[in-house]
Amino acid sequence: MATSPGKFLTIAGVAIFTCVSFAQDLNPFIGTWDIDLAASSFGSATAPKNMSRVYEDAGNGSYMFLVVSIAEDGSIGGSSATYKFDSKENPLASLSLTAPTTISYIQNNEKTVQYTVRVDGRVSQIGAKTISPDGRILTIAIQTFSAEGDINNQILKFNRRR
């Protein structure tokens, strides 16, 4: 029994959409998120002109994130890591940090995770990420610690693009 190409593509599209929807059901962070500058508070840090975050399922209980930001002067910043919600430190690649940097995650519940960033073994940032009940807003509460002991608090709000 032959299947027409149109029917095959329809079935394949439904299967892919179902897999993506299933992955998002397992981890509501998965997707692309765009900064809501008006709803965000950057503390003493300079607000970017734009920022986006992408979270993807990397398989075997692992996830990947990519953050890209554009400063007012047009310079680009970003970071990326692959991680699990197991509190183990994972390498963090960053365009702005040259020292060895790691990130670890733990999952509080299905819509809240906490993370810790270490630079050269020193805690430089802690944060909590929460998804709104409707799944459309990602809120990240961040506390950064400079090597000199300065502390900066931020609340970043992101809208789900997809």
C-alpha atoms as a PDB file:
ATOM      1  CA  MET A   1       0.000   0.000   0.000  1.00  0.00           C
ATOM      2  CA  ALA A   2       1.630   3.222  -1.210  1.00  0.00           C
ATOM      3  CA  THR A   3       1.338   6.485   0.705  1.00  0.00           C
ATOM      4  CA  SER A   4       1.165   9.773  -1.169  1.00  0.00           C
ATOM      5  CA  PRO A   5       3.971  12.265  -0.474  1.00  0.00           C
ATOM      6  CA  GLY A   6       1.449  14.808   0.876  1.00  0.00           C
ATOM      7  CA  LYS A   7      -0.016  12.297   3.319  1.00  0.00           C
ATOM      8  CA  PHE A   8       3.476  11.225   4.414  1.00  0.00           C
ATOM      9  CA  LEU A   9       4.523  14.845   5.054  1.00  0.00           C
ATOM     10  CA  THR A  10       1.338  15.476   7.038  1.00  0.00           C
ATOM     11  CA  ILE A  11       1.939  12.402   9.203  1.00  0.00           C
ATOM     12  CA  ALA A  12       5.629  13.320   9.676  1.00  0.00           C
ATOM     13  CA  GLY A  13       4.708  16.897  10.617  1.00  0.00           C
ATOM     14  CA  VAL A  14       2.169  15.723  13.196  1.00  0.00           C
ATOM     15  CA  ALA A  15       4.737  13.285  14.648  1.00  0.00           C
ATOM     16  CA  ILE A  16       7.408  15.998  14.944  1.00  0.00           C
ATOM     17  CA  PHE A  17       4.946  18.476  16.490  1.00  0.00           C
ATOM     18  CA  THR A  18       3.837  15.791  18.963  1.00  0.00           C
ATOM     19  CA  CYS A  19       7.472  15.080  19.970  1.00  0.00           C
ATOM     20  CA  VAL A  20       8.224  18.796  20.433  1.00  0.00           C
ATOM     21  CA  SER A  21       5.003  19.285  22.425  1.00  0.00           C
ATOM     22  CA  PHE A  22       5.836  16.245  24.565  1.00  0.00           C
ATOM     23  CA  ALA A  23       9.353  17.584  25.260  1.00  0.00           C
ATOM     24  CA  GLN A  24       7.877  20.975  26.251  1.00  0.00           C
ATOM     25  CA  ASP A  25       5.415  19.210  28.560  1.00  0.00           C
ATOM     26  CA  LEU A  26       8.355  17.503  30.288  1.00  0.00           C
ATOM     27  CA  ASN A  27      10.356  20.727  30.539  1.00  0.00           C
ATOM     28  CA  PRO A  28       8.326  23.944  30.192  1.00  0.00           C
ATOM     29  CA  PHE A  29      11.546  25.972  29.781  1.00  0.00           C
ATOM     30  CA  ILE A  30      12.143  24.489  26.314  1.00  0.00           C
ATOM     31  CA  GLY A  31      11.651  27.117  23.635  1.00  0.00           C
ATOM     32  CA  THR A  32      12.812  30.572  22.629  1.00  0.00           C
ATOM     33  CA  TRP A  33      12.373  33.502  25.004  1.00  0.00           C
ATOM     34  CA  ASP A  34      12.740  37.248  24.318  1.00  0.00           C
ATOM     35  CA  ILE A  35      13.515  39.833  26.995  1.00  0.00           C
ATOM     36  CA  ASP A  36      10.744  42.202  28.081  1.00  0.00           C
ATOM     37  CA  LEU A  37      12.900  45.230  28.850  1.00  0.00           C
ATOM     38  CA  ALA A  38      10.034  47.270  30.314  1.00  0.00           C
ATOM     39  CA  ALA A  39       9.133  44.531  32.813  1.00  0.00           C
ATOM     40  CA  SER A  40      12.742  43.725  33.776  1.00  0.00           C
ATOM     41  CA  SER A  41      14.962  45.265  36.452  1.00  0.00           C
ATOM     42  CA  PHE A  42      18.724  45.188  35.918  1.00  0.00           C
ATOM     43  CA  GLY A  43      19.811  46.621  39.259  1.00  0.00           C
ATOM     44  CA  SER A  44      23.159  48.379  38.866  1.00  0.00           C
ATOM     45  CA  ALA A  45      23.925  46.516  35.607  1.00  0.00           C
ATOM     46  CA  THR A  46      23.405  48.161  32.229  1.00  0.00           C
ATOM     47  CA  ALA A  47      20.318  46.902  30.412  1.00  0.00           C
ATOM     48  CA  PRO A  48      20.967  45.336  27.008  1.00  0.00           C
ATOM     49  CA  LYS A  49      19.345  46.576  23.824  1.00  0.00           C
ATOM     50  CA  ASN A  50      18.043  43.045  23.277  1.00  0.00           C
ATOM     51  CA  MET A  51      18.414  39.552  24.730  1.00  0.00           C
ATOM     52  CA  SER A  52      17.086  36.124  23.780  1.00  0.00           C
ATOM     53  CA  ARG A  53      17.362  32.725  25.429  1.00  0.00           C
ATOM     54  CA  VAL A  54      16.894  29.317  23.825  1.00  0.00           C
ATOM     55  CA  TYR A  55      16.427  26.104  25.803  1.00  0.00           C
ATOM     56  CA  GLU A  56      16.526  22.739  24.004  1.00  0.00           C
ATOM     57  CA  ASP A  57      16.298  19.091  25.001  1.00  0.00           C
ATOM     58  CA  ALA A  58      19.771  17.548  24.520  1.00  0.00           C
ATOM     59  CA  GLY A  59      18.632  13.975  25.240  1.00  0.00           C
ATOM     60  CA  ASN A  60      19.294  11.594  28.118  1.00  0.00           C
ATOM     61  CA  GLY A  61      17.894  14.023  30.693  1.00  0.00           C
ATOM     62  CA  SER A  62      20.219  16.820  29.527  1.00  0.00           C
ATOM     63  CA  TYR A  63      19.275  20.279  28.347  1.00  0.00           C
ATOM     64  CA  MET A  64      21.130  23.017  26.475  1.00  0.00           C
ATOM     65  CA  PHE A  65      20.733  26.767  26.716  1.00  0.00           C
ATOM     66  CA  LEU A  66      22.042  29.586  24.566  1.00  0.00           C
ATOM     67  CA  VAL A  67      21.791  33.240  25.617  1.00  0.00           C
ATOM     68  CA  VAL A  68      22.538  36.022  23.147  1.00  0.00           C
ATOM     69  CA  SER A  69      22.490  39.695  24.124  1.00  0.00           C
ATOM     70  CA  ILE A  70      23.135  42.880  22.190  1.00  0.00           C
ATOM     71  CA  ALA A  71      24.387  45.921  24.094  1.00  0.00           C
ATOM     72  CA  GLU A  72      23.383  49.503  23.275  1.00  0.00           C
ATOM     73  CA  ASP A  73      26.749  49.951  21.484  1.00  0.00           C
ATOM     74  CA  GLY A  74      25.991  46.933  19.258  1.00  0.00           C
ATOM     75  CA  SER A  75      28.458  44.554  20.896  1.00  0.00           C
ATOM     76  CA  ILE A  76      27.304  40.962  21.245  1.00  0.00           C
ATOM     77  CA  GLY A  77      27.446  38.890  24.418  1.00  0.00           C
ATOM     78  CA  GLY A  78      26.371  35.376  25.086  1.00  0.00           C
ATOM     79  CA  SER A  79      26.777  32.113  26.917  1.00  0.00           C
ATOM     80  CA  SER A  80      25.862  28.477  26.502  1.00  0.00           C
ATOM     81  CA  ALA A  81      25.964  25.227  28.465  1.00  0.00           C
ATOM     82  CA  THR A  82      24.589  21.719  28.494  1.00  0.00           C
ATOM     83  CA  TYR A  83      23.337  20.566  31.898  1.00  0.00           C
ATOM     84  CA  LYS A  84      21.096  18.264  33.933  1.00  0.00           C
ATOM     85  CA  PHE A  85      19.053  19.078  37.031  1.00  0.00           C
ATOM     86  CA  ASP A  86      21.523  17.146  39.200  1.00  0.00           C
ATOM     87  CA  SER A  87      23.519  19.906  40.978  1.00  0.00           C
ATOM     88  CA  LYS A  88      26.724  18.859  39.153  1.00  0.00           C
ATOM     89  CA  GLU A  89      28.934  21.589  37.711  1.00  0.00           C
ATOM     90  CA  ASN A  90      28.980  21.837  33.908  1.00  0.00           C
ATOM     91  CA  PRO A  91      31.278  23.945  31.709  1.00  0.00           C
ATOM     92  CA  LEU A  92      29.787  27.302  30.741  1.00  0.00           C
ATOM     93  CA  ALA A  93      31.001  28.927  27.523  1.00  0.00           C
ATOM     94  CA  SER A  94      30.841  32.714  27.583  1.00  0.00           C
ATOM     95  CA  LEU A  95      31.878  35.481  25.208  1.00  0.00           C
ATOM     96  CA  SER A  96      32.817  37.738  28.138  1.00  0.00           C
ATOM     97  CA  LEU A  97      34.514  35.396  30.639  1.00  0.00           C
ATOM     98  CA  THR A  98      37.999  34.004  30.119  1.00  0.00           C
ATOM     99  CA  ALA A  99      38.402  32.171  33.447  1.00  0.00           C
ATOM    100  CA  PRO A 100      37.061  28.620  33.843  1.00  0.00           C
ATOM    101  CA  THR A 101      33.316  28.960  34.433  1.00  0.00           C
ATOM    102  CA  THR A 102      30.730  26.364  35.444  1.00  0.00           C
ATOM    103  CA  ILE A 103      26.984  26.231  36.012  1.00  0.00           C
ATOM    104  CA  SER A 104      24.931  23.785  38.057  1.00  0.00           C
ATOM    105  CA  TYR A 105      21.151  23.328  38.271  1.00  0.00           C
ATOM    106  CA  ILE A 106      18.638  21.819  40.642  1.00  0.00           C
ATOM    107  CA  GLN A 107      14.929  21.529  39.972  1.00  0.00           C
ATOM    108  CA  ASN A 108      12.586  22.757  42.735  1.00  0.00           C
ATOM    109  CA  ASN A 109       9.392  21.737  40.947  1.00  0.00           C
ATOM    110  CA  GLU A 110       8.118  21.401  37.390  1.00  0.00           C
ATOM    111  CA  LYS A 111       8.206  25.181  36.790  1.00  0.00           C
ATOM    112  CA  THR A 112      11.080  26.385  38.999  1.00  0.00           C
ATOM    113  CA  VAL A 113      14.820  25.687  38.879  1.00  0.00           C
ATOM    114  CA  GLN A 114      17.783  27.186  40.720  1.00  0.00           C
ATOM    115  CA  TYR A 115      21.285  27.603  39.366  1.00  0.00           C
ATOM    116  CA  THR A 116      24.763  28.556  40.527  1.00  0.00           C
ATOM    117  CA  VAL A 117      27.545  29.992  38.355  1.00  0.00           C
ATOM    118  CA  ARG A 118      31.155  29.676  39.488  1.00  0.00           C
ATOM    119  CA  VAL A 119      34.125  31.508  37.986  1.00  0.00           C
ATOM    120  CA  ASP A 120      37.491  30.032  38.951  1.00  0.00           C
ATOM    121  CA  GLY A 121      35.633  28.064  41.645  1.00  0.00           C
ATOM    122  CA  ARG A 122      34.145  31.219  43.268  1.00  0.00           C
ATOM    123  CA  VAL A 123      30.347  31.625  43.275  1.00  0.00           C
ATOM    124  CA  SER A 124      29.694  34.615  41.011  1.00  0.00           C
ATOM    125  CA  GLN A 125      25.951  34.268  40.458  1.00  0.00           C
ATOM    126  CA  ILE A 126      22.937  32.482  41.845  1.00  0.00           C
ATOM    127  CA  GLY A 127      19.475  32.538  40.406  1.00  0.00           C
ATOM    128  CA  ALA A 128      16.019  31.049  40.186  1.00  0.00           C
ATOM    129  CA  LYS A 129      14.038  30.601  36.967  1.00  0.00           C
ATOM    130  CA  THR A 130      10.267  30.296  37.088  1.00  0.00           C
ATOM    131  CA  ILE A 131       7.679  29.723  34.366  1.00  0.00           C
ATOM    132  CA  SER A 132       4.296  31.452  34.776  1.00  0.00           C
ATOM    133  CA  PRO A 133       1.230  29.212  35.222  1.00  0.00           C
ATOM    134  CA  ASP A 134       0.171  29.830  31.602  1.00  0.00           C
ATOM    135  CA  GLY A 135       3.712  28.991  30.346  1.00  0.00           C
ATOM    136  CA  ARG A 136       4.142  32.298  28.522  1.00  0.00           C
ATOM    137  CA  ILE A 137       6.518  34.217  30.852  1.00  0.00           C
ATOM    138  CA  LEU A 138       9.929  33.204  32.159  1.00  0.00           C
ATOM    139  CA  THR A 139      11.088  35.151  35.230  1.00  0.00           C
ATOM    140  CA  ILE A 140      14.717  34.946  36.335  1.00  0.00           C
ATOM    141  CA  ALA A 141      15.733  36.327  39.730  1.00  0.00           C
ATOM    142  CA  ILE A 142      19.512  36.833  39.699  1.00  0.00           C
ATOM    143  CA  GLN A 143      22.035  37.811  42.333  1.00  0.00           C
ATOM    144  CA  THR A 144      25.594  38.453  41.128  1.00  0.00           C
ATOM    145  CA  PHE A 145      28.696  38.749  43.313  1.00  0.00           C
ATOM    146  CA  SER A 146      31.780  40.576  42.069  1.00  0.00           C
ATOM    147  CA  ALA A 147      35.292  39.555  43.120  1.00  0.00           C
ATOM    148  CA  GLU A 148      35.357  42.806  45.128  1.00  0.00           C
ATOM    149  CA  GLY A 149      32.249  41.819  47.099  1.00  0.00           C
ATOM    150  CA  ASP A 150      29.687  43.985  45.297  1.00  0.00           C
ATOM    151  CA  ILE A 151      26.214  42.459  44.958  1.00  0.00           C
ATOM    152  CA  ASN A 152      23.715  43.182  42.169  1.00  0.00           C
ATOM    153  CA  ASN A 153      20.109  41.975  42.102  1.00  0.00           C
ATOM    154  CA  GLN A 154      18.149  41.618  38.885  1.00  0.00           C
ATOM    155  CA  ILE A 155      14.687  40.420  37.894  1.00  0.00           C
ATOM    156  CA  LEU A 156      14.505  39.568  34.198  1.00  0.00           C
ATOM    157  CA  LYS A 157      11.237  38.837  32.401  1.00  0.00           C
ATOM    158  CA  PHE A 158      11.096  36.982  29.088  1.00  0.00           C
ATOM    159  CA  ASN A 159       8.161  36.330  26.768  1.00  0.00           C
ATOM    160  CA  ARG A 160       7.856  32.965  25.010  1.00  0.00           C
ATOM    161  CA  ARG A 161       8.420  33.307  21.287  1.00  0.00           C
ATOM    162  CA  ARG A 162       7.869  29.612  20.554  1.00  0.00           C
END
